[in-house]
Amino acid sequence: MSTSLLEIVDLGDGEIVLQRADDDSEPLVRINFSGESQLYLMDNGLEVAKAMIQAGLQAAAVMAEQAEVEMESDADSAPRILH
């Protein structure tokens, strides 16, 4: 992902998006709350969406770190052949 500034935008129809602030490209993430969910959340949909996005980014970072560690351990355990 590029280092552009990201923004969370409430589109007002129950959909909240994460998008790049500097262009009109397709949103990176879409969160769409149903009518029933909107009633349950009252006016807190944006706060819930922010928490969901933050949790998703944290989970992705942890998975990327684990994959990196696994790749390093795989490289270390590769058999070495000397000719």
PDB file of N, CA and C in Angstrom:
ATOM      1  N   MET A   1       0.849  -1.168   0.000  1.00  0.00           N
ATOM      2  CA  MET A   1       0.000   0.000   0.000  1.00  0.00           C
ATOM      3  C   MET A   1       0.893   1.228   0.000  1.00  0.00           C
ATOM      4  N   SER A   2       0.491   2.238  -0.761  1.00  0.00           N
ATOM      5  CA  SER A   2       1.283   3.454  -0.820  1.00  0.00           C
ATOM      6  C   SER A   2       1.172   4.219   0.504  1.00  0.00           C
ATOM      7  N   THR A   3       1.990   5.239   0.626  1.00  0.00           N
ATOM      8  CA  THR A   3       2.028   5.997   1.868  1.00  0.00           C
ATOM      9  C   THR A   3       1.100   7.206   1.830  1.00  0.00           C
ATOM     10  N   SER A   4       0.098   7.189   0.969  1.00  0.00           N
ATOM     11  CA  SER A   4      -0.828   8.320   0.886  1.00  0.00           C
ATOM     12  C   SER A   4      -1.692   8.394   2.139  1.00  0.00           C
ATOM     13  N   LEU A   5      -2.246   9.558   2.372  1.00  0.00           N
ATOM     14  CA  LEU A   5      -3.104   9.801   3.519  1.00  0.00           C
ATOM     15  C   LEU A   5      -4.432   9.077   3.304  1.00  0.00           C
ATOM     16  N   LEU A   6      -4.897   8.394   4.329  1.00  0.00           N
ATOM     17  CA  LEU A   6      -6.159   7.669   4.256  1.00  0.00           C
ATOM     18  C   LEU A   6      -7.201   8.374   5.113  1.00  0.00           C
ATOM     19  N   GLU A   7      -8.469   8.251   4.705  1.00  0.00           N
ATOM     20  CA  GLU A   7      -9.555   8.843   5.483  1.00  0.00           C
ATOM     21  C   GLU A   7     -10.715   7.867   5.556  1.00  0.00           C
ATOM     22  N   ILE A   8     -11.438   7.949   6.663  1.00  0.00           N
ATOM     23  CA  ILE A   8     -12.647   7.155   6.858  1.00  0.00           C
ATOM     24  C   ILE A   8     -13.821   8.099   6.627  1.00  0.00           C
ATOM     25  N   VAL A   9     -14.719   7.711   5.705  1.00  0.00           N
ATOM     26  CA  VAL A   9     -15.817   8.589   5.320  1.00  0.00           C
ATOM     27  C   VAL A   9     -17.145   7.874   5.524  1.00  0.00           C
ATOM     28  N   ASP A  10     -18.071   8.527   6.216  1.00  0.00           N
ATOM     29  CA  ASP A  10     -19.436   8.030   6.372  1.00  0.00           C
ATOM     30  C   ASP A  10     -20.238   8.562   5.187  1.00  0.00           C
ATOM     31  N   LEU A  11     -20.716   7.666   4.326  1.00  0.00           N
ATOM     32  CA  LEU A  11     -21.449   8.081   3.144  1.00  0.00           C
ATOM     33  C   LEU A  11     -22.911   8.412   3.450  1.00  0.00           C
ATOM     34  N   GLY A  12     -23.355   8.168   4.685  1.00  0.00           N
ATOM     35  CA  GLY A  12     -24.679   8.570   5.103  1.00  0.00           C
ATOM     36  C   GLY A  12     -25.795   7.583   4.798  1.00  0.00           C
ATOM     37  N   ASP A  13     -25.482   6.534   4.072  1.00  0.00           N
ATOM     38  CA  ASP A  13     -26.501   5.545   3.713  1.00  0.00           C
ATOM     39  C   ASP A  13     -26.258   4.209   4.406  1.00  0.00           C
ATOM     40  N   GLY A  14     -25.495   4.252   5.490  1.00  0.00           N
ATOM     41  CA  GLY A  14     -25.153   3.024   6.203  1.00  0.00           C
ATOM     42  C   GLY A  14     -23.828   2.462   5.763  1.00  0.00           C
ATOM     43  N   GLU A  15     -23.215   3.082   4.760  1.00  0.00           N
ATOM     44  CA  GLU A  15     -21.922   2.613   4.274  1.00  0.00           C
ATOM     45  C   GLU A  15     -20.825   3.573   4.728  1.00  0.00           C
ATOM     46  N   ILE A  16     -19.740   2.979   5.220  1.00  0.00           N
ATOM     47  CA  ILE A  16     -18.573   3.743   5.645  1.00  0.00           C
ATOM     48  C   ILE A  16     -17.393   3.169   4.888  1.00  0.00           C
ATOM     49  N   VAL A  17     -16.550   4.046   4.325  1.00  0.00           N
ATOM     50  CA  VAL A  17     -15.442   3.583   3.503  1.00  0.00           C
ATOM     51  C   VAL A  17     -14.114   4.118   4.016  1.00  0.00           C
ATOM     52  N   LEU A  18     -13.078   3.343   3.756  1.00  0.00           N
ATOM     53  CA  LEU A  18     -11.699   3.786   3.963  1.00  0.00           C
ATOM     54  C   LEU A  18     -11.154   4.055   2.575  1.00  0.00           C
ATOM     55  N   GLN A  19     -10.690   5.280   2.345  1.00  0.00           N
ATOM     56  CA  GLN A  19     -10.218   5.641   1.013  1.00  0.00           C
ATOM     57  C   GLN A  19      -8.986   6.531   1.102  1.00  0.00           C
ATOM     58  N   ARG A  20      -8.315   6.647  -0.029  1.00  0.00           N
ATOM     59  CA  ARG A  20      -7.193   7.577  -0.122  1.00  0.00           C
ATOM     60  C   ARG A  20      -7.759   8.992  -0.168  1.00  0.00           C
ATOM     61  N   ALA A  21      -7.156   9.893   0.585  1.00  0.00           N
ATOM     62  CA  ALA A  21      -7.662  11.263   0.662  1.00  0.00           C
ATOM     63  C   ALA A  21      -7.334  12.070  -0.586  1.00  0.00           C
ATOM     64  N   ASP A  22      -6.310  11.660  -1.318  1.00  0.00           N
ATOM     65  CA  ASP A  22      -5.822  12.495  -2.414  1.00  0.00           C
ATOM     66  C   ASP A  22      -6.310  12.092  -3.802  1.00  0.00           C
ATOM     67  N   ASP A  23      -7.203  11.110  -3.915  1.00  0.00           N
ATOM     68  CA  ASP A  23      -7.730  10.762  -5.233  1.00  0.00           C
ATOM     69  C   ASP A  23      -9.130  10.165  -5.125  1.00  0.00           C
ATOM     70  N   ASP A  24      -9.741   9.963  -6.269  1.00  0.00           N
ATOM     71  CA  ASP A  24     -11.120   9.465  -6.310  1.00  0.00           C
ATOM     72  C   ASP A  24     -11.181   7.999  -6.707  1.00  0.00           C
ATOM     73  N   SER A  25     -10.133   7.236  -6.419  1.00  0.00           N
ATOM     74  CA  SER A  25     -10.124   5.825  -6.776  1.00  0.00           C
ATOM     75  C   SER A  25     -11.101   5.045  -5.899  1.00  0.00           C
ATOM     76  N   GLU A  26     -11.261   3.782  -6.240  1.00  0.00           N
ATOM     77  CA  GLU A  26     -12.145   2.886  -5.500  1.00  0.00           C
ATOM     78  C   GLU A  26     -11.721   2.829  -4.027  1.00  0.00           C
ATOM     79  N   PRO A  27     -12.685   2.833  -3.090  1.00  0.00           N
ATOM     80  CA  PRO A  27     -12.332   2.718  -1.668  1.00  0.00           C
ATOM     81  C   PRO A  27     -11.553   1.433  -1.391  1.00  0.00           C
ATOM     82  N   LEU A  28     -10.673   1.491  -0.423  1.00  0.00           N
ATOM     83  CA  LEU A  28      -9.879   0.332  -0.041  1.00  0.00           C
ATOM     84  C   LEU A  28     -10.702  -0.645   0.783  1.00  0.00           C
ATOM     85  N   VAL A  29     -11.614  -0.130   1.609  1.00  0.00           N
ATOM     86  CA  VAL A  29     -12.469  -0.949   2.471  1.00  0.00           C
ATOM     87  C   VAL A  29     -13.868  -0.339   2.460  1.00  0.00           C
ATOM     88  N   ARG A  30     -14.864  -1.220   2.408  1.00  0.00           N
ATOM     89  CA  ARG A  30     -16.260  -0.780   2.529  1.00  0.00           C
ATOM     90  C   ARG A  30     -16.899  -1.520   3.699  1.00  0.00           C
ATOM     91  N   ILE A  31     -17.552  -0.783   4.582  1.00  0.00           N
ATOM     92  CA  ILE A  31     -18.315  -1.375   5.674  1.00  0.00           C
ATOM     93  C   ILE A  31     -19.744  -0.897   5.488  1.00  0.00           C
ATOM     94  N   ASN A  32     -20.655  -1.849   5.372  1.00  0.00           N
ATOM     95  CA  ASN A  32     -22.048  -1.516   5.120  1.00  0.00           C
ATOM     96  C   ASN A  32     -22.910  -2.090   6.238  1.00  0.00           C
ATOM     97  N   PHE A  33     -23.515  -1.217   7.023  1.00  0.00           N
ATOM     98  CA  PHE A  33     -24.377  -1.641   8.111  1.00  0.00           C
ATOM     99  C   PHE A  33     -25.815  -1.743   7.600  1.00  0.00           C
ATOM    100  N   SER A  34     -26.472  -2.830   7.911  1.00  0.00           N
ATOM    101  CA  SER A  34     -27.878  -3.003   7.545  1.00  0.00           C
ATOM    102  C   SER A  34     -28.734  -2.032   8.348  1.00  0.00           C
ATOM    103  N   GLY A  35     -29.977  -1.868   7.928  1.00  0.00           N
ATOM    104  CA  GLY A  35     -30.895  -0.995   8.655  1.00  0.00           C
ATOM    105  C   GLY A  35     -31.062  -1.415  10.101  1.00  0.00           C
ATOM    106  N   GLU A  36     -31.160  -2.724  10.320  1.00  0.00           N
ATOM    107  CA  GLU A  36     -31.297  -3.230  11.685  1.00  0.00           C
ATOM    108  C   GLU A  36     -30.058  -2.912  12.512  1.00  0.00           C
ATOM    109  N   SER A  37     -28.891  -3.083  11.902  1.00  0.00           N
ATOM    110  CA  SER A  37     -27.640  -2.768  12.601  1.00  0.00           C
ATOM    111  C   SER A  37     -27.555  -1.290  12.937  1.00  0.00           C
ATOM    112  N   GLN A  38     -27.985  -0.440  12.001  1.00  0.00           N
ATOM    113  CA  GLN A  38     -27.956   1.001  12.239  1.00  0.00           C
ATOM    114  C   GLN A  38     -28.823   1.386  13.429  1.00  0.00           C
ATOM    115  N   LEU A  39     -29.985   0.733  13.548  1.00  0.00           N
ATOM    116  CA  LEU A  39     -30.844   1.001  14.706  1.00  0.00           C
ATOM    117  C   LEU A  39     -30.166   0.583  16.001  1.00  0.00           C
ATOM    118  N   TYR A  40     -29.511  -0.567  15.960  1.00  0.00           N
ATOM    119  CA  TYR A  40     -28.826  -1.078  17.145  1.00  0.00           C
ATOM    120  C   TYR A  40     -27.655  -0.178  17.529  1.00  0.00           C
ATOM    121  N   LEU A  41     -26.912   0.290  16.529  1.00  0.00           N
ATOM    122  CA  LEU A  41     -25.732   1.117  16.785  1.00  0.00           C
ATOM    123  C   LEU A  41     -26.083   2.563  17.121  1.00  0.00           C
ATOM    124  N   MET A  42     -27.311   2.960  16.808  1.00  0.00           N
ATOM    125  CA  MET A  42     -27.759   4.347  16.968  1.00  0.00           C
ATOM    126  C   MET A  42     -26.829   5.251  16.167  1.00  0.00           C
ATOM    127  N   ASP A  43     -26.187   6.200  16.782  1.00  0.00           N
ATOM    128  CA  ASP A  43     -25.300   7.122  16.059  1.00  0.00           C
ATOM    129  C   ASP A  43     -23.830   6.738  16.203  1.00  0.00           C
ATOM    130  N   ASN A  44     -23.553   5.498  16.527  1.00  0.00           N
ATOM    131  CA  ASN A  44     -22.177   5.071  16.781  1.00  0.00           C
ATOM    132  C   ASN A  44     -21.575   4.242  15.652  1.00  0.00           C
ATOM    133  N   GLY A  45     -22.212   4.225  14.486  1.00  0.00           N
ATOM    134  CA  GLY A  45     -21.718   3.425  13.369  1.00  0.00           C
ATOM    135  C   GLY A  45     -20.305   3.794  12.947  1.00  0.00           C
ATOM    136  N   LEU A  46     -20.011   5.078  12.893  1.00  0.00           N
ATOM    137  CA  LEU A  46     -18.670   5.515  12.491  1.00  0.00           C
ATOM    138  C   LEU A  46     -17.618   5.044  13.490  1.00  0.00           C
ATOM    139  N   GLU A  47     -17.922   5.136  14.777  1.00  0.00           N
ATOM    140  CA  GLU A  47     -16.968   4.687  15.801  1.00  0.00           C
ATOM    141  C   GLU A  47     -16.737   3.182  15.708  1.00  0.00           C
ATOM    142  N   VAL A  48     -17.801   2.429  15.458  1.00  0.00           N
ATOM    143  CA  VAL A  48     -17.667   0.976  15.310  1.00  0.00           C
ATOM    144  C   VAL A  48     -16.832   0.659  14.069  1.00  0.00           C
ATOM    145  N   ALA A  49     -17.086   1.363  12.978  1.00  0.00           N
ATOM    146  CA  ALA A  49     -16.314   1.142  11.747  1.00  0.00           C
ATOM    147  C   ALA A  49     -14.835   1.451  11.974  1.00  0.00           C
ATOM    148  N   LYS A  50     -14.531   2.526  12.687  1.00  0.00           N
ATOM    149  CA  LYS A  50     -13.133   2.859  13.001  1.00  0.00           C
ATOM    150  C   LYS A  50     -12.477   1.723  13.776  1.00  0.00           C
ATOM    151  N   ALA A  51     -13.184   1.183  14.767  1.00  0.00           N
ATOM    152  CA  ALA A  51     -12.640   0.079  15.562  1.00  0.00           C
ATOM    153  C   ALA A  51     -12.430  -1.156  14.692  1.00  0.00           C
ATOM    154  N   MET A  52     -13.359  -1.417  13.777  1.00  0.00           N
ATOM    155  CA  MET A  52     -13.231  -2.569  12.886  1.00  0.00           C
ATOM    156  C   MET A  52     -12.010  -2.422  11.970  1.00  0.00           C
ATOM    157  N   ILE A  53     -11.822  -1.229  11.422  1.00  0.00           N
ATOM    158  CA  ILE A  53     -10.682  -0.983  10.533  1.00  0.00           C
ATOM    159  C   ILE A  53      -9.380  -1.105  11.307  1.00  0.00           C
ATOM    160  N   GLN A  54      -9.324  -0.537  12.502  1.00  0.00           N
ATOM    161  CA  GLN A  54      -8.110  -0.624  13.317  1.00  0.00           C
ATOM    162  C   GLN A  54      -7.787  -2.074  13.653  1.00  0.00           C
ATOM    163  N   ALA A  55      -8.792  -2.842  14.039  1.00  0.00           N
ATOM    164  CA  ALA A  55      -8.577  -4.250  14.368  1.00  0.00           C
ATOM    165  C   ALA A  55      -8.091  -5.023  13.138  1.00  0.00           C
ATOM    166  N   GLY A  56      -8.641  -4.729  11.990  1.00  0.00           N
ATOM    167  CA  GLY A  56      -8.220  -5.391  10.762  1.00  0.00           C
ATOM    168  C   GLY A  56      -6.771  -5.076  10.406  1.00  0.00           C
ATOM    169  N   LEU A  57      -6.376  -3.821  10.554  1.00  0.00           N
ATOM    170  CA  LEU A  57      -4.992  -3.439  10.267  1.00  0.00           C
ATOM    171  C   LEU A  57      -4.022  -4.092  11.247  1.00  0.00           C
ATOM    172  N   GLN A  58      -4.409  -4.151  12.516  1.00  0.00           N
ATOM    173  CA  GLN A  58      -3.560  -4.808  13.514  1.00  0.00           C
ATOM    174  C   GLN A  58      -3.426  -6.296  13.216  1.00  0.00           C
ATOM    175  N   ALA A  59      -4.512  -6.942  12.849  1.00  0.00           N
ATOM    176  CA  ALA A  59      -4.470  -8.372  12.519  1.00  0.00           C
ATOM    177  C   ALA A  59      -3.593  -8.611  11.292  1.00  0.00           C
ATOM    178  N   ALA A  60      -3.699  -7.751  10.286  1.00  0.00           N
ATOM    179  CA  ALA A  60      -2.874  -7.892   9.088  1.00  0.00           C
ATOM    180  C   ALA A  60      -1.392  -7.730   9.419  1.00  0.00           C
ATOM    181  N   ALA A  61      -1.069  -6.797  10.311  1.00  0.00           N
ATOM    182  CA  ALA A  61       0.327  -6.591  10.705  1.00  0.00           C
ATOM    183  C   ALA A  61       0.876  -7.811  11.431  1.00  0.00           C
ATOM    184  N   VAL A  62       0.078  -8.391  12.318  1.00  0.00           N
ATOM    185  CA  VAL A  62       0.509  -9.586  13.047  1.00  0.00           C
ATOM    186  C   VAL A  62       0.726 -10.748  12.076  1.00  0.00           C
ATOM    187  N   MET A  63      -0.189 -10.935  11.129  1.00  0.00           N
ATOM    188  CA  MET A  63      -0.044 -12.027  10.156  1.00  0.00           C
ATOM    189  C   MET A  63       1.182 -11.829   9.270  1.00  0.00           C
ATOM    190  N   ALA A  64       1.444 -10.585   8.872  1.00  0.00           N
ATOM    191  CA  ALA A  64       2.621 -10.304   8.047  1.00  0.00           C
ATOM    192  C   ALA A  64       3.902 -10.590   8.826  1.00  0.00           C
ATOM    193  N   GLU A  65       3.910 -10.220  10.097  1.00  0.00           N
ATOM    194  CA  GLU A  65       5.077 -10.476  10.946  1.00  0.00           C
ATOM    195  C   GLU A  65       5.300 -11.980  11.119  1.00  0.00           C
ATOM    196  N   GLN A  66       4.222 -12.730  11.331  1.00  0.00           N
ATOM    197  CA  GLN A  66       4.335 -14.189  11.473  1.00  0.00           C
ATOM    198  C   GLN A  66       4.846 -14.828  10.189  1.00  0.00           C
ATOM    199  N   ALA A  67       4.365 -14.351   9.053  1.00  0.00           N
ATOM    200  CA  ALA A  67       4.810 -14.890   7.761  1.00  0.00           C
ATOM    201  C   ALA A  67       6.297 -14.606   7.557  1.00  0.00           C
ATOM    202  N   GLU A  68       6.743 -13.433   7.965  1.00  0.00           N
ATOM    203  CA  GLU A  68       8.159 -13.078   7.840  1.00  0.00           C
ATOM    204  C   GLU A  68       9.023 -13.985   8.712  1.00  0.00           C
ATOM    205  N   VAL A  69       8.584 -14.231   9.936  1.00  0.00           N
ATOM    206  CA  VAL A  69       9.325 -15.118  10.843  1.00  0.00           C
ATOM    207  C   VAL A  69       9.383 -16.525  10.267  1.00  0.00           C
ATOM    208  N   GLU A  70       8.262 -17.009   9.718  1.00  0.00           N
ATOM    209  CA  GLU A  70       8.236 -18.346   9.121  1.00  0.00           C
ATOM    210  C   GLU A  70       9.174 -18.434   7.923  1.00  0.00           C
ATOM    211  N   MET A  71       9.218 -17.382   7.118  1.00  0.00           N
ATOM    212  CA  MET A  71      10.116 -17.382   5.956  1.00  0.00           C
ATOM    213  C   MET A  71      11.569 -17.415   6.405  1.00  0.00           C
ATOM    214  N   GLU A  72      11.888 -16.676   7.458  1.00  0.00           N
ATOM    215  CA  GLU A  72      13.257 -16.666   7.981  1.00  0.00           C
ATOM    216  C   GLU A  72      13.627 -18.034   8.538  1.00  0.00           C
ATOM    217  N   SER A  73      12.708 -18.667   9.251  1.00  0.00           N
ATOM    218  CA  SER A  73      13.018 -19.976   9.835  1.00  0.00           C
ATOM    219  C   SER A  73      13.131 -21.037   8.743  1.00  0.00           C
ATOM    220  N   ASP A  74      12.332 -20.920   7.684  1.00  0.00           N
ATOM    221  CA  ASP A  74      12.451 -21.843   6.557  1.00  0.00           C
ATOM    222  C   ASP A  74      13.803 -21.707   5.864  1.00  0.00           C
ATOM    223  N   ALA A  75      14.269 -20.468   5.725  1.00  0.00           N
ATOM    224  CA  ALA A  75      15.558 -20.220   5.079  1.00  0.00           C
ATOM    225  C   ALA A  75      16.690 -20.760   5.922  1.00  0.00           C
ATOM    226  N   ASP A  76      16.565 -20.649   7.253  1.00  0.00           N
ATOM    227  CA  ASP A  76      17.602 -21.131   8.159  1.00  0.00           C
ATOM    228  C   ASP A  76      17.666 -22.663   8.180  1.00  0.00           C
ATOM    229  N   SER A  77      16.569 -23.336   7.962  1.00  0.00           N
ATOM    230  CA  SER A  77      16.550 -24.793   8.062  1.00  0.00           C
ATOM    231  C   SER A  77      16.775 -25.477   6.722  1.00  0.00           C
ATOM    232  N   ALA A  78      17.008 -24.722   5.669  1.00  0.00           N
ATOM    233  CA  ALA A  78      17.239 -25.327   4.365  1.00  0.00           C
ATOM    234  C   ALA A  78      18.560 -26.103   4.411  1.00  0.00           C
ATOM    235  N   PRO A  79      18.565 -27.305   3.820  1.00  0.00           N
ATOM    236  CA  PRO A  79      19.805 -28.080   3.823  1.00  0.00           C
ATOM    237  C   PRO A  79      20.884 -27.408   2.974  1.00  0.00           C
ATOM    238  N   ARG A  80      22.099 -27.450   3.478  1.00  0.00           N
ATOM    239  CA  ARG A  80      23.223 -26.840   2.749  1.00  0.00           C
ATOM    240  C   ARG A  80      24.073 -27.968   2.173  1.00  0.00           C
ATOM    241  N   ILE A  81      24.378 -27.808   0.923  1.00  0.00           N
ATOM    242  CA  ILE A  81      25.167 -28.821   0.231  1.00  0.00           C
ATOM    243  C   ILE A  81      26.487 -28.175  -0.198  1.00  0.00           C
ATOM    244  N   LEU A  82      27.553 -28.794   0.206  1.00  0.00           N
ATOM    245  CA  LEU A  82      28.873 -28.317  -0.131  1.00  0.00           C
ATOM    246  C   LEU A  82      29.488 -29.241  -1.165  1.00  0.00           C
ATOM    247  N   HIS A  83      29.952 -28.705  -2.254  1.00  0.00           N
ATOM    248  CA  HIS A  83      30.558 -29.519  -3.322  1.00  0.00           C
ATOM    249  C   HIS A  83      32.031 -29.303  -3.368  1.00  0.00           C
TER     250      HIS A  83
END
